[in-house]
Amino acid sequence: MVSKIGIAFTVLSLGLISSAPALAQDETEVRLLMNWFPQANQGGYWQAQLDDQDGDGVKITTLPGGPRIQTIPQVVSGEAEFGIGYADDIIRARQMGAPVKAVYAALDHAPYDLVYHPDQGIKGVEDLAGRTVAVSLGAAYWDWTKLTYGIETKDIPVSGDMSLFANDLAMVQQGLYLFLPFRMKEAGIAHEQFRIADLGYRPYEVLFTTDAMIADHPDTVRATIAAVKKGWQEFMADPDPVSTKSLAVNQQISPAANANAIALMKSSGLLPEDSKLFGCMDSARWEELAKQMMAIKVVPEDFDVKAAYDVSFVSGCE
């Protein structure tokens, strides 16, 4: 459930709602539930809220995430109209009966990485065999990596505490390459990394909604996506307005780490070079991901991946 504290956090700390004009009669307010506290890889959504979207037909209210937020069940229960997630989470939820569907690709892939200590004889991901790995237990990407590369590891739950890694030279830790390596550099912790996308597992980071929202309010879905796409275009062109507000709230991320994350978003293929292609999804990528999830037996061989996404709401895709 999105707590009153979370909503107050948005209104008072980010200052993105209280200063907004009253809704026009033909505007619809929609809520976008984030999967973590405000940070660079959400910037376009916060920009969409910051913008005065006159004429778009929607008023965006972006709700912060956090460790107790689960975007898929909360969107299904009606606590928000849209949520942020990864494509493999959408597929898994769809298989379990949740009526959710991806409608916009914010990032080309989930920026997962595995960080390890240098000078430990690790040259390829196969060399992680037998080591202690701090990961999200049951994460599809990690099950796929272990199966594909034939490794067995001792897995423990990951936390935001870097001290365990710092004190155990044999340990490996999951993170997001947008943030964790830079935070370790700031803390003086020597490290190397494998990016999961480079290993072949590339689920989109997506904006999703429900089947009912698509069926009953397609114009609102279309207007929301148009506002989000505009927000991402503006954020990547000038990230300072949103960054200033988010850094005041999420103080785990330093200004330098935030700037580094934005630079990586521009240089690591997370966003198309042509901003007109923001949000586009490739059906072949969804098919590839579904086959990977079939290999680890998350979904059955007859799973219809086309039910997990809808490309019709993003215009201008090649």
Protein backbone atom coordinates (compact mmCIF):
# COMPACT_ATOMS: atom_id res chain seq x y z
CA MET A 1 0.00 0.00 0.00
CA VAL A 2 1.21 3.51 -0.74
CA SER A 3 1.43 5.07 2.69
CA LYS A 4 0.35 8.55 3.73
CA ILE A 5 4.01 9.10 4.54
CA GLY A 6 4.94 8.26 0.94
CA ILE A 7 2.39 10.67 -0.47
CA ALA A 8 3.47 13.42 1.91
CA PHE A 9 7.04 12.72 0.85
CA THR A 10 6.05 13.50 -2.72
CA VAL A 11 4.02 16.61 -1.98
CA LEU A 12 6.23 18.30 0.58
CA SER A 13 9.73 17.16 -0.27
CA LEU A 14 9.65 17.17 -4.03
CA GLY A 15 7.31 20.12 -4.27
CA LEU A 16 5.94 18.79 -7.55
CA ILE A 17 2.25 18.57 -6.68
CA SER A 18 1.40 21.43 -4.37
CA SER A 19 2.53 24.03 -6.89
CA ALA A 20 0.55 22.52 -9.77
CA PRO A 21 -2.50 24.31 -11.17
CA ALA A 22 -6.01 22.96 -10.60
CA LEU A 23 -7.10 20.29 -13.05
CA ALA A 24 -8.94 21.47 -16.11
CA GLN A 25 -12.37 19.93 -16.57
CA ASP A 26 -11.13 17.73 -19.41
CA GLU A 27 -8.02 16.53 -17.54
CA THR A 28 -7.71 13.18 -15.81
CA GLU A 29 -5.31 12.66 -12.93
CA VAL A 30 -3.24 9.49 -13.16
CA ARG A 31 -0.81 8.12 -10.58
CA LEU A 32 2.55 6.59 -11.52
CA LEU A 33 4.06 4.37 -8.82
CA MET A 34 7.87 4.21 -8.85
CA ASN A 35 9.87 1.17 -7.76
CA TRP A 36 12.36 3.10 -5.62
CA PHE A 37 13.09 6.49 -4.15
CA PRO A 38 13.62 9.33 -6.69
CA GLN A 39 16.79 8.85 -8.70
CA ALA A 40 18.14 9.41 -12.18
CA ASN A 41 16.63 6.35 -13.86
CA GLN A 42 13.17 7.69 -12.96
CA GLY A 43 13.90 11.24 -14.10
CA GLY A 44 11.53 11.35 -17.05
CA TYR A 45 8.55 10.43 -14.90
CA TRP A 46 9.26 13.15 -12.36
CA GLN A 47 9.77 15.58 -15.23
CA ALA A 48 6.35 14.62 -16.60
CA GLN A 49 4.86 15.57 -13.24
CA LEU A 50 6.87 18.77 -13.03
CA ASP A 51 5.71 19.87 -16.49
CA ASP A 52 2.49 21.74 -17.01
CA GLN A 53 0.94 19.29 -19.43
CA ASP A 54 -1.81 21.58 -20.71
CA GLY A 55 -3.64 20.03 -23.61
CA ASP A 56 -2.40 16.49 -22.97
CA GLY A 57 -5.57 15.52 -21.14
CA VAL A 58 -3.78 14.13 -18.08
CA LYS A 59 -2.20 15.39 -14.90
CA ILE A 60 0.65 13.14 -13.77
CA THR A 61 1.09 12.40 -10.08
CA THR A 62 4.27 10.43 -9.46
CA LEU A 63 4.43 8.40 -6.25
CA PRO A 64 7.81 7.40 -4.77
CA GLY A 65 8.72 3.79 -4.23
CA GLY A 66 10.82 2.20 -1.53
CA PRO A 67 11.67 -1.14 0.10
CA ARG A 68 8.02 -1.90 0.98
CA ILE A 69 6.60 -0.94 -2.42
CA GLN A 70 5.56 -3.69 -4.82
CA THR A 71 4.38 -1.93 -7.93
CA ILE A 72 2.56 -4.78 -9.68
CA PRO A 73 0.13 -5.80 -6.90
CA GLN A 74 -0.46 -2.18 -5.96
CA VAL A 75 -1.36 -1.20 -9.52
CA VAL A 76 -3.58 -4.26 -9.83
CA SER A 77 -5.36 -3.27 -6.61
CA GLY A 78 -6.03 0.23 -7.95
CA GLU A 79 -3.65 2.19 -5.73
CA ALA A 80 -2.09 3.66 -8.88
CA GLU A 81 -3.02 3.55 -12.55
CA PHE A 82 0.55 2.92 -13.75
CA GLY A 83 3.70 1.41 -12.30
CA ILE A 84 7.36 0.92 -13.06
CA GLY A 85 8.86 -2.54 -13.39
CA TYR A 86 11.05 -4.80 -15.47
CA ALA A 87 9.77 -6.81 -18.39
CA ASP A 88 10.59 -10.15 -16.76
CA ASP A 89 8.53 -9.14 -13.72
CA ILE A 90 5.60 -8.37 -16.03
CA ILE A 91 5.93 -11.77 -17.70
CA ARG A 92 6.13 -13.56 -14.35
CA ALA A 93 3.11 -11.64 -13.03
CA ARG A 94 1.14 -12.32 -16.19
CA GLN A 95 1.82 -16.04 -15.86
CA MET A 96 0.53 -15.89 -12.28
CA GLY A 97 -2.71 -14.28 -13.42
CA ALA A 98 -2.06 -10.58 -12.82
CA PRO A 99 -3.75 -8.54 -15.60
CA VAL A 100 -0.81 -6.20 -16.25
CA LYS A 101 0.74 -5.12 -19.52
CA ALA A 102 3.82 -3.06 -20.45
CA VAL A 103 3.01 -0.04 -22.60
CA TYR A 104 6.26 1.97 -22.70
CA ALA A 105 9.96 1.05 -22.50
CA ALA A 106 11.77 3.63 -20.38
CA LEU A 107 15.17 1.91 -20.49
CA ASP A 108 16.54 -0.58 -23.01
CA HIS A 109 17.49 -3.01 -20.27
CA ALA A 110 17.53 -3.46 -16.52
CA PRO A 111 20.91 -2.00 -15.47
CA TYR A 112 21.83 -4.95 -13.26
CA ASP A 113 25.46 -5.64 -12.49
CA LEU A 114 27.54 -8.00 -10.36
CA VAL A 115 30.40 -6.32 -8.53
CA TYR A 116 33.46 -8.28 -7.41
CA HIS A 117 36.89 -7.59 -5.97
CA PRO A 118 39.85 -7.27 -8.34
CA ASP A 119 42.84 -9.63 -8.18
CA GLN A 120 40.67 -12.61 -7.29
CA GLY A 121 41.30 -14.58 -10.45
CA ILE A 122 37.91 -13.62 -11.90
CA LYS A 123 38.15 -13.24 -15.67
CA GLY A 124 34.68 -14.38 -16.70
CA VAL A 125 31.34 -14.89 -15.02
CA GLU A 126 32.13 -18.63 -14.86
CA ASP A 127 34.77 -17.78 -12.24
CA LEU A 128 32.04 -16.77 -9.79
CA ALA A 129 31.34 -20.46 -9.15
CA GLY A 130 31.47 -21.39 -5.47
CA ARG A 131 31.46 -17.81 -4.22
CA THR A 132 29.05 -16.03 -1.90
CA VAL A 133 26.79 -13.78 -3.97
CA ALA A 134 24.49 -11.16 -2.43
CA VAL A 135 21.48 -11.03 -4.77
CA SER A 136 17.72 -10.68 -4.84
CA LEU A 137 16.85 -14.29 -4.12
CA GLY A 138 14.78 -15.82 -6.89
CA ALA A 139 15.65 -13.08 -9.38
CA ALA A 140 15.09 -14.42 -12.89
CA TYR A 141 18.25 -12.80 -14.26
CA TRP A 142 20.41 -14.61 -11.71
CA ASP A 143 18.74 -17.98 -12.20
CA TRP A 144 19.24 -17.54 -15.94
CA THR A 145 22.89 -16.52 -15.51
CA LYS A 146 23.68 -19.54 -13.34
CA LEU A 147 21.95 -21.91 -15.76
CA THR A 148 23.46 -20.39 -18.89
CA TYR A 149 27.02 -20.20 -17.56
CA GLY A 150 26.89 -23.42 -15.53
CA ILE A 151 27.77 -22.03 -12.12
CA GLU A 152 26.70 -22.84 -8.57
CA THR A 153 27.02 -20.19 -5.86
CA LYS A 154 26.10 -19.55 -2.24
CA ASP A 155 23.37 -16.91 -2.49
CA ILE A 156 22.45 -14.56 0.33
CA PRO A 157 19.92 -11.68 0.36
CA VAL A 158 21.34 -8.40 -0.90
CA SER A 159 21.06 -5.20 1.12
CA GLY A 160 22.21 -1.65 0.61
CA ASP A 161 25.09 -2.22 3.04
CA MET A 162 28.43 -2.25 1.20
CA SER A 163 30.44 -3.22 4.30
CA LEU A 164 29.90 -6.96 3.87
CA PHE A 165 31.38 -6.76 0.39
CA ALA A 166 34.19 -4.49 1.52
CA ASN A 167 35.25 -6.96 4.21
CA ASP A 168 35.02 -10.18 2.17
CA LEU A 169 37.37 -10.32 -0.81
CA ALA A 170 35.67 -13.46 -2.15
CA MET A 171 32.18 -11.94 -2.13
CA VAL A 172 30.11 -10.77 -5.11
CA GLN A 173 27.27 -8.25 -4.85
CA GLN A 174 24.32 -7.39 -7.07
CA GLY A 175 23.55 -3.77 -7.88
CA LEU A 176 22.63 -1.36 -10.62
CA TYR A 177 25.59 -0.29 -12.71
CA LEU A 178 24.17 3.22 -12.81
CA PHE A 179 24.89 3.63 -9.09
CA LEU A 180 26.69 0.87 -7.19
CA PRO A 181 30.14 1.03 -8.83
CA PHE A 182 30.30 4.80 -8.42
CA ARG A 183 29.15 4.61 -4.80
CA MET A 184 31.89 2.05 -4.15
CA LYS A 185 34.42 4.32 -5.81
CA GLU A 186 33.28 7.16 -3.56
CA ALA A 187 33.69 4.86 -0.54
CA GLY A 188 37.17 3.79 -1.63
CA ILE A 189 36.18 0.17 -2.29
CA ALA A 190 38.11 -1.36 -5.17
CA HIS A 191 35.90 -3.37 -7.51
CA GLU A 192 35.23 -4.71 -10.98
CA GLN A 193 31.88 -5.61 -12.51
CA PHE A 194 29.92 -7.71 -14.95
CA ARG A 195 26.90 -6.05 -16.54
CA ILE A 196 24.08 -8.54 -16.87
CA ALA A 197 22.98 -7.08 -20.21
CA ASP A 198 26.44 -7.90 -21.59
CA LEU A 199 25.87 -11.53 -20.56
CA GLY A 200 22.74 -11.66 -22.73
CA TYR A 201 19.84 -11.00 -20.35
CA ARG A 202 18.10 -7.72 -21.29
CA PRO A 203 14.60 -7.12 -19.93
CA TYR A 204 13.25 -3.67 -20.64
CA GLU A 205 12.48 -1.33 -17.76
CA VAL A 206 8.86 -0.48 -18.50
CA LEU A 207 5.83 1.57 -17.62
CA PHE A 208 2.89 -0.80 -17.19
CA THR A 209 -0.81 -0.62 -16.51
CA THR A 210 -3.76 -3.01 -16.31
CA ASP A 211 -5.81 -4.68 -19.02
CA ALA A 212 -8.87 -2.84 -17.70
CA MET A 213 -7.17 0.54 -18.00
CA ILE A 214 -6.24 -0.19 -21.60
CA ALA A 215 -9.71 -1.49 -22.48
CA ASP A 216 -11.76 1.15 -20.65
CA HIS A 217 -9.56 4.26 -20.88
CA PRO A 218 -7.32 3.96 -23.97
CA ASP A 219 -7.24 7.73 -24.52
CA THR A 220 -5.96 8.26 -20.98
CA VAL A 221 -3.28 5.60 -21.51
CA ARG A 222 -2.25 7.25 -24.77
CA ALA A 223 -2.15 10.72 -23.22
CA THR A 224 -0.14 9.46 -20.23
CA ILE A 225 2.43 7.84 -22.46
CA ALA A 226 2.72 10.99 -24.57
CA ALA A 227 3.32 13.02 -21.40
CA VAL A 228 5.88 10.50 -20.14
CA LYS A 229 7.73 10.46 -23.45
CA LYS A 230 7.86 14.25 -23.44
CA GLY A 231 9.06 14.15 -19.85
CA TRP A 232 11.91 11.80 -20.71
CA GLN A 233 12.92 13.91 -23.69
CA GLU A 234 13.02 17.03 -21.55
CA PHE A 235 14.80 15.34 -18.64
CA MET A 236 17.59 13.98 -20.82
CA ALA A 237 17.98 17.37 -22.51
CA ASP A 238 18.15 19.21 -19.16
CA PRO A 239 18.20 16.99 -16.04
CA ASP A 240 18.95 19.79 -13.57
CA PRO A 241 15.40 20.79 -12.48
CA VAL A 242 14.40 17.27 -11.48
CA SER A 243 17.86 16.33 -10.18
CA THR A 244 17.89 19.28 -7.80
CA LYS A 245 14.62 18.16 -6.25
CA SER A 246 15.39 14.45 -6.14
CA LEU A 247 18.83 14.95 -4.58
CA ALA A 248 17.24 16.96 -1.79
CA VAL A 249 15.14 13.91 -0.94
CA ASN A 250 17.22 10.84 -1.77
CA GLN A 251 20.47 11.72 -0.05
CA GLN A 252 21.91 8.23 -0.56
CA ILE A 253 22.84 9.48 -4.02
CA SER A 254 25.48 12.22 -4.17
CA PRO A 255 25.36 14.94 -6.86
CA ALA A 256 28.41 13.35 -8.48
CA ALA A 257 26.79 9.89 -8.48
CA ASN A 258 23.61 11.35 -9.95
CA ALA A 259 25.54 13.09 -12.72
CA ASN A 260 27.45 9.88 -13.42
CA ALA A 261 24.21 7.89 -13.68
CA ILE A 262 22.78 10.37 -16.20
CA ALA A 263 25.99 10.20 -18.24
CA LEU A 264 25.78 6.39 -18.24
CA MET A 265 22.17 6.55 -19.36
CA LYS A 266 23.38 8.48 -22.40
CA SER A 267 26.40 6.29 -23.14
CA SER A 268 25.35 2.74 -22.25
CA GLY A 269 22.55 2.19 -24.73
CA LEU A 270 19.87 2.58 -22.08
CA LEU A 271 18.09 5.21 -24.17
CA PRO A 272 17.95 5.57 -27.96
CA GLU A 273 20.21 8.24 -29.43
CA ASP A 274 17.16 9.56 -31.28
CA SER A 275 14.73 10.82 -28.64
CA LYS A 276 11.86 10.32 -31.06
CA LEU A 277 12.31 6.59 -30.42
CA PHE A 278 11.93 6.87 -26.65
CA GLY A 279 9.45 4.29 -25.36
CA CYS A 280 9.63 1.94 -28.34
CA MET A 281 9.63 -1.82 -27.75
CA ASP A 282 10.73 -4.62 -30.07
CA SER A 283 8.55 -7.74 -30.14
CA ALA A 284 11.64 -9.84 -30.87
CA ARG A 285 13.15 -8.74 -27.57
CA TRP A 286 10.03 -9.88 -25.71
CA GLU A 287 10.18 -13.24 -27.50
CA GLU A 288 13.86 -13.60 -26.56
CA LEU A 289 13.11 -12.82 -22.93
CA ALA A 290 10.18 -15.24 -22.81
CA LYS A 291 12.43 -18.06 -24.09
CA GLN A 292 15.00 -17.24 -21.43
CA MET A 293 12.31 -17.42 -18.76
CA MET A 294 11.07 -20.71 -20.20
CA ALA A 295 14.61 -22.07 -19.88
CA ILE A 296 14.57 -21.43 -16.13
CA LYS A 297 10.99 -22.73 -15.93
CA VAL A 298 9.45 -19.47 -14.76
CA VAL A 299 6.86 -19.71 -17.52
CA PRO A 300 5.67 -22.74 -19.50
CA GLU A 301 6.60 -23.44 -23.09
CA ASP A 302 3.15 -22.37 -24.31
CA PHE A 303 3.21 -18.97 -22.57
CA ASP A 304 1.86 -16.22 -24.86
CA VAL A 305 4.29 -13.35 -24.35
CA LYS A 306 2.23 -11.07 -26.60
CA ALA A 307 -0.25 -10.77 -23.73
CA ALA A 308 2.44 -9.06 -21.61
CA TYR A 309 2.96 -5.93 -23.70
CA ASP A 310 1.24 -3.50 -26.07
CA VAL A 311 3.29 -1.50 -28.56
CA SER A 312 0.35 0.43 -30.01
CA PHE A 313 0.49 3.42 -27.67
CA VAL A 314 3.98 4.69 -28.61
CA SER A 315 4.12 6.43 -31.97
CA GLY A 316 7.08 6.99 -34.25
CA CYS A 317 8.76 3.61 -33.72
CA GLU A 318 10.68 2.05 -36.58
